[in-house]
């Protein structure tokens, strides 16, 4: 019989896991509409904006967007928060991101 035990899985900055009954998704949708307007205005300057760690940090998703993943769906999962890292940890801290993934998948 095949082994049907738990297998490792990983997620970086998961969204869509708002807590049951939370209204934060509505606020998130309003923010997204505002961001679309701002993105259109910023489009000519995008290369300069994402060239810095600060610019990439400003593109990070909200922690509340992953509350259900952390508390309801995967309560026993390891949760790693990388301080000062933006939406693309593989760009901000490539060695640390790679080490975390390798450590997770090799175990």
N, C-alpha and C. Protein backbone atom coordinates (compact mmCIF):
# COMPACT_ATOMS: atom_id res chain seq x y z
N UNK A 1 0.85 -1.18 0.00
CA UNK A 1 0.00 0.00 0.00
C UNK A 1 0.89 1.24 0.00
N UNK A 2 0.52 2.24 -0.78
CA UNK A 2 1.30 3.48 -0.91
C UNK A 2 1.20 4.30 0.37
N UNK A 3 2.28 5.03 0.63
CA UNK A 3 2.30 5.95 1.77
C UNK A 3 1.40 7.14 1.45
N UNK A 4 0.39 7.37 2.28
CA UNK A 4 -0.51 8.50 2.08
C UNK A 4 -0.36 9.54 3.19
N UNK A 5 0.82 9.58 3.79
CA UNK A 5 1.08 10.54 4.86
C UNK A 5 1.15 11.96 4.36
N UNK A 6 1.28 12.88 5.29
CA UNK A 6 1.33 14.30 4.94
C UNK A 6 2.59 14.59 4.15
N UNK A 7 2.47 15.45 3.20
CA UNK A 7 3.59 15.88 2.38
C UNK A 7 3.85 17.36 2.65
N UNK A 8 5.11 17.79 2.52
CA UNK A 8 5.39 19.20 2.76
C UNK A 8 4.75 20.08 1.70
N UNK A 9 4.36 21.26 2.11
CA UNK A 9 3.82 22.27 1.20
C UNK A 9 4.27 23.63 1.69
N UNK A 10 4.38 24.56 0.79
CA UNK A 10 4.82 25.89 1.18
C UNK A 10 4.00 26.95 0.47
N UNK A 11 3.85 28.09 1.12
CA UNK A 11 3.15 29.22 0.51
C UNK A 11 3.88 30.48 0.92
N UNK A 12 4.03 31.38 -0.01
CA UNK A 12 4.61 32.68 0.29
C UNK A 12 3.51 33.71 0.18
N UNK A 13 3.29 34.45 1.24
CA UNK A 13 2.31 35.53 1.26
C UNK A 13 0.97 35.11 0.69
N UNK A 14 0.33 34.09 1.24
CA UNK A 14 -0.96 33.66 0.69
C UNK A 14 -2.05 34.70 0.94
N UNK A 15 -2.91 34.86 -0.04
CA UNK A 15 -4.06 35.78 0.09
C UNK A 15 -5.34 34.97 -0.07
N UNK A 16 -6.44 35.54 0.33
CA UNK A 16 -7.73 34.87 0.18
C UNK A 16 -8.12 34.04 1.38
N UNK A 17 -7.40 34.14 2.47
CA UNK A 17 -7.70 33.35 3.64
C UNK A 17 -8.22 34.18 4.79
N UNK A 18 -9.00 35.20 4.49
CA UNK A 18 -9.52 36.05 5.55
C UNK A 18 -10.32 35.24 6.56
N UNK A 19 -10.30 35.68 7.80
CA UNK A 19 -11.03 35.00 8.86
C UNK A 19 -12.53 35.04 8.57
N UNK A 20 -13.22 33.99 8.93
CA UNK A 20 -14.66 33.88 8.72
C UNK A 20 -15.37 35.06 9.40
N UNK A 21 -16.25 35.71 8.66
CA UNK A 21 -16.99 36.84 9.20
C UNK A 21 -16.25 38.17 9.16
N UNK A 22 -14.99 38.16 8.76
CA UNK A 22 -14.21 39.39 8.72
C UNK A 22 -14.61 40.23 7.51
N UNK A 23 -14.59 41.53 7.68
CA UNK A 23 -14.89 42.44 6.58
C UNK A 23 -13.63 42.98 5.91
N UNK A 24 -12.48 42.48 6.30
CA UNK A 24 -11.23 43.03 5.78
C UNK A 24 -11.12 42.87 4.27
N UNK A 25 -11.82 41.89 3.69
CA UNK A 25 -11.75 41.72 2.24
C UNK A 25 -12.38 42.92 1.51
N UNK A 26 -13.40 43.52 2.11
CA UNK A 26 -14.02 44.69 1.49
C UNK A 26 -13.04 45.87 1.47
N UNK A 27 -12.35 46.04 2.58
CA UNK A 27 -11.34 47.10 2.66
C UNK A 27 -10.24 46.81 1.64
N UNK A 28 -9.89 45.56 1.52
CA UNK A 28 -8.85 45.16 0.56
C UNK A 28 -9.29 45.48 -0.87
N UNK A 29 -10.55 45.22 -1.20
CA UNK A 29 -11.05 45.52 -2.55
C UNK A 29 -11.06 47.03 -2.82
N UNK A 30 -11.42 47.82 -1.80
CA UNK A 30 -11.37 49.28 -1.97
C UNK A 30 -9.93 49.73 -2.20
N UNK A 31 -9.03 49.16 -1.44
CA UNK A 31 -7.62 49.49 -1.62
C UNK A 31 -7.15 49.11 -3.02
N UNK A 32 -7.58 47.96 -3.50
CA UNK A 32 -7.17 47.52 -4.83
C UNK A 32 -7.64 48.51 -5.90
N UNK A 33 -8.85 49.02 -5.78
CA UNK A 33 -9.35 50.02 -6.73
C UNK A 33 -8.48 51.28 -6.71
N UNK A 34 -8.11 51.71 -5.51
CA UNK A 34 -7.23 52.87 -5.38
C UNK A 34 -5.86 52.58 -5.98
N UNK A 35 -5.36 51.37 -5.73
CA UNK A 35 -4.05 51.01 -6.26
C UNK A 35 -4.03 50.97 -7.78
N UNK A 36 -5.13 50.56 -8.39
CA UNK A 36 -5.20 50.56 -9.86
C UNK A 36 -5.01 51.98 -10.38
N UNK A 37 -5.71 52.93 -9.77
CA UNK A 37 -5.56 54.33 -10.17
C UNK A 37 -4.13 54.80 -9.99
N UNK A 38 -3.54 54.47 -8.83
CA UNK A 38 -2.18 54.90 -8.56
C UNK A 38 -1.18 54.22 -9.49
N UNK A 39 -1.43 52.96 -9.81
CA UNK A 39 -0.53 52.23 -10.70
C UNK A 39 -0.51 52.84 -12.10
N UNK A 40 -1.66 53.26 -12.55
CA UNK A 40 -1.72 53.91 -13.87
C UNK A 40 -0.87 55.18 -13.87
N UNK A 41 -0.95 55.94 -12.79
CA UNK A 41 -0.17 57.18 -12.70
C UNK A 41 1.33 56.89 -12.55
N UNK A 42 1.66 55.78 -11.88
CA UNK A 42 3.06 55.45 -11.61
C UNK A 42 3.72 54.65 -12.72
N UNK A 43 2.92 54.11 -13.65
CA UNK A 43 3.45 53.21 -14.69
C UNK A 43 4.70 53.73 -15.39
N UNK A 44 4.76 55.00 -15.74
CA UNK A 44 5.96 55.48 -16.42
C UNK A 44 7.23 55.42 -15.55
N UNK A 45 7.06 55.27 -14.23
CA UNK A 45 8.19 55.29 -13.30
C UNK A 45 8.43 53.93 -12.64
N UNK A 46 7.83 52.87 -13.15
CA UNK A 46 7.84 51.58 -12.47
C UNK A 46 9.24 51.02 -12.27
N UNK A 47 10.12 51.15 -13.23
CA UNK A 47 11.47 50.61 -13.08
C UNK A 47 12.17 51.20 -11.86
N UNK A 48 12.03 52.50 -11.68
CA UNK A 48 12.66 53.15 -10.53
C UNK A 48 11.99 52.75 -9.22
N UNK A 49 10.67 52.57 -9.26
CA UNK A 49 9.93 52.23 -8.04
C UNK A 49 10.29 50.86 -7.48
N UNK A 50 10.45 49.86 -8.33
CA UNK A 50 10.73 48.50 -7.84
C UNK A 50 12.21 48.18 -7.78
N UNK A 51 13.04 49.16 -8.06
CA UNK A 51 14.48 48.95 -8.04
C UNK A 51 15.05 48.92 -6.63
N UNK A 52 14.26 49.34 -5.64
CA UNK A 52 14.77 49.39 -4.27
C UNK A 52 13.99 48.43 -3.37
N UNK A 53 14.62 47.98 -2.28
CA UNK A 53 13.89 47.15 -1.31
C UNK A 53 12.66 47.86 -0.76
N UNK A 54 12.76 49.19 -0.52
CA UNK A 54 11.62 49.94 0.00
C UNK A 54 10.46 49.91 -0.99
N UNK A 55 10.76 50.07 -2.26
CA UNK A 55 9.71 50.03 -3.28
C UNK A 55 9.03 48.68 -3.34
N UNK A 56 9.81 47.61 -3.23
CA UNK A 56 9.22 46.27 -3.24
C UNK A 56 8.43 46.00 -1.97
N UNK A 57 8.89 46.53 -0.83
CA UNK A 57 8.15 46.36 0.43
C UNK A 57 6.76 46.98 0.33
N UNK A 58 6.66 48.07 -0.37
CA UNK A 58 5.37 48.75 -0.49
C UNK A 58 4.38 47.95 -1.31
N UNK A 59 4.84 46.92 -2.00
CA UNK A 59 3.95 46.06 -2.79
C UNK A 59 3.50 44.84 -2.00
N UNK A 60 3.84 44.76 -0.71
CA UNK A 60 3.53 43.57 0.10
C UNK A 60 2.01 43.45 0.35
N UNK A 61 1.51 42.18 0.44
CA UNK A 61 0.10 41.93 0.80
C UNK A 61 -0.13 42.10 2.30
N UNK A 62 -1.34 42.31 2.70
CA UNK A 62 -1.68 42.48 4.11
C UNK A 62 -1.62 41.16 4.85
N UNK A 63 -1.10 41.16 6.10
CA UNK A 63 -1.10 39.92 6.89
C UNK A 63 -2.50 39.38 7.13
N UNK A 64 -3.52 40.24 7.23
CA UNK A 64 -4.88 39.76 7.48
C UNK A 64 -5.42 38.93 6.33
N UNK A 65 -4.82 39.06 5.14
CA UNK A 65 -5.29 38.30 3.98
C UNK A 65 -4.98 36.81 4.12
N UNK A 66 -4.13 36.45 5.07
CA UNK A 66 -3.79 35.05 5.23
C UNK A 66 -4.21 34.49 6.59
N UNK A 67 -5.09 35.16 7.28
CA UNK A 67 -5.50 34.74 8.62
C UNK A 67 -6.09 33.33 8.64
N UNK A 68 -6.95 32.99 7.67
CA UNK A 68 -7.57 31.65 7.69
C UNK A 68 -6.54 30.57 7.41
N UNK A 69 -5.57 30.86 6.54
CA UNK A 69 -4.52 29.85 6.31
C UNK A 69 -3.80 29.55 7.61
N UNK A 70 -3.47 30.60 8.35
CA UNK A 70 -2.68 30.43 9.56
C UNK A 70 -3.49 29.83 10.71
N UNK A 71 -4.71 30.30 10.92
CA UNK A 71 -5.46 29.91 12.11
C UNK A 71 -6.46 28.78 11.90
N UNK A 72 -7.13 28.76 10.76
CA UNK A 72 -8.19 27.77 10.54
C UNK A 72 -7.72 26.56 9.73
N UNK A 73 -7.07 26.81 8.61
CA UNK A 73 -6.77 25.72 7.69
C UNK A 73 -5.45 25.01 7.98
N UNK A 74 -4.46 25.74 8.50
CA UNK A 74 -3.14 25.14 8.74
C UNK A 74 -2.62 25.53 10.13
N UNK A 75 -3.38 25.23 11.18
CA UNK A 75 -2.99 25.71 12.51
C UNK A 75 -1.68 25.13 13.03
N UNK A 76 -1.25 23.99 12.50
CA UNK A 76 -0.02 23.37 13.00
C UNK A 76 1.17 23.63 12.10
N UNK A 77 0.97 24.42 11.06
CA UNK A 77 2.06 24.71 10.12
C UNK A 77 3.07 25.68 10.74
N UNK A 78 4.30 25.55 10.32
CA UNK A 78 5.31 26.54 10.70
C UNK A 78 4.99 27.84 9.97
N UNK A 79 5.11 28.96 10.66
CA UNK A 79 4.80 30.25 10.08
C UNK A 79 6.06 31.10 10.20
N UNK A 80 6.65 31.47 9.10
CA UNK A 80 7.89 32.24 9.10
C UNK A 80 7.62 33.63 8.57
N UNK A 81 7.95 34.65 9.35
CA UNK A 81 7.80 36.03 8.93
C UNK A 81 9.20 36.60 8.75
N UNK A 82 9.45 37.13 7.59
CA UNK A 82 10.75 37.74 7.30
C UNK A 82 10.60 39.25 7.46
N UNK A 83 11.17 39.80 8.51
CA UNK A 83 11.04 41.23 8.79
C UNK A 83 11.69 42.08 7.71
N UNK A 84 11.01 43.14 7.36
CA UNK A 84 11.55 44.10 6.41
C UNK A 84 11.62 43.60 4.98
N UNK A 85 10.91 42.51 4.68
CA UNK A 85 10.94 41.93 3.35
C UNK A 85 9.63 42.26 2.66
N UNK A 86 9.70 42.59 1.38
CA UNK A 86 8.52 42.93 0.63
C UNK A 86 7.85 41.73 -0.01
N UNK A 87 7.13 41.98 -1.09
CA UNK A 87 6.33 40.98 -1.76
C UNK A 87 7.16 39.88 -2.42
N UNK A 88 8.42 40.15 -2.68
CA UNK A 88 9.30 39.19 -3.37
C UNK A 88 10.52 38.89 -2.52
N UNK A 89 10.39 38.01 -1.52
CA UNK A 89 11.54 37.74 -0.65
C UNK A 89 12.73 37.18 -1.42
N UNK A 90 12.46 36.51 -2.54
CA UNK A 90 13.56 35.96 -3.33
C UNK A 90 14.42 37.07 -3.93
N UNK A 91 13.90 38.31 -4.00
CA UNK A 91 14.70 39.44 -4.47
C UNK A 91 15.33 40.21 -3.32
N UNK A 92 14.60 40.36 -2.22
CA UNK A 92 15.10 41.13 -1.08
C UNK A 92 16.14 40.37 -0.26
N UNK A 93 15.89 39.10 -0.01
CA UNK A 93 16.82 38.28 0.76
C UNK A 93 16.95 36.90 0.09
N UNK A 94 17.59 36.84 -1.06
CA UNK A 94 17.60 35.60 -1.84
C UNK A 94 18.21 34.41 -1.10
N UNK A 95 19.29 34.64 -0.38
CA UNK A 95 19.94 33.53 0.32
C UNK A 95 19.03 32.98 1.43
N UNK A 96 18.45 33.86 2.22
CA UNK A 96 17.57 33.43 3.30
C UNK A 96 16.33 32.72 2.76
N UNK A 97 15.75 33.25 1.67
CA UNK A 97 14.57 32.60 1.07
C UNK A 97 14.93 31.21 0.56
N UNK A 98 16.07 31.10 -0.11
CA UNK A 98 16.49 29.80 -0.64
C UNK A 98 16.77 28.81 0.48
N UNK A 99 17.42 29.27 1.55
CA UNK A 99 17.72 28.39 2.68
C UNK A 99 16.43 27.89 3.34
N UNK A 100 15.44 28.75 3.49
CA UNK A 100 14.17 28.34 4.08
C UNK A 100 13.51 27.26 3.21
N UNK A 101 13.48 27.49 1.92
CA UNK A 101 12.84 26.52 1.02
C UNK A 101 13.61 25.21 1.02
N UNK A 102 14.93 25.27 0.94
CA UNK A 102 15.73 24.03 0.96
C UNK A 102 15.58 23.28 2.28
N UNK A 103 15.59 24.02 3.38
CA UNK A 103 15.41 23.37 4.68
C UNK A 103 14.06 22.71 4.81
N UNK A 104 13.06 23.34 4.27
CA UNK A 104 11.70 22.81 4.33
C UNK A 104 11.55 21.56 3.46
N UNK A 105 12.09 21.60 2.24
CA UNK A 105 11.88 20.50 1.31
C UNK A 105 12.82 19.33 1.55
N UNK A 106 13.93 19.56 2.25
CA UNK A 106 14.86 18.46 2.48
C UNK A 106 14.48 17.61 3.69
N UNK A 107 13.56 18.11 4.51
CA UNK A 107 13.18 17.41 5.73
C UNK A 107 12.14 16.44 5.50
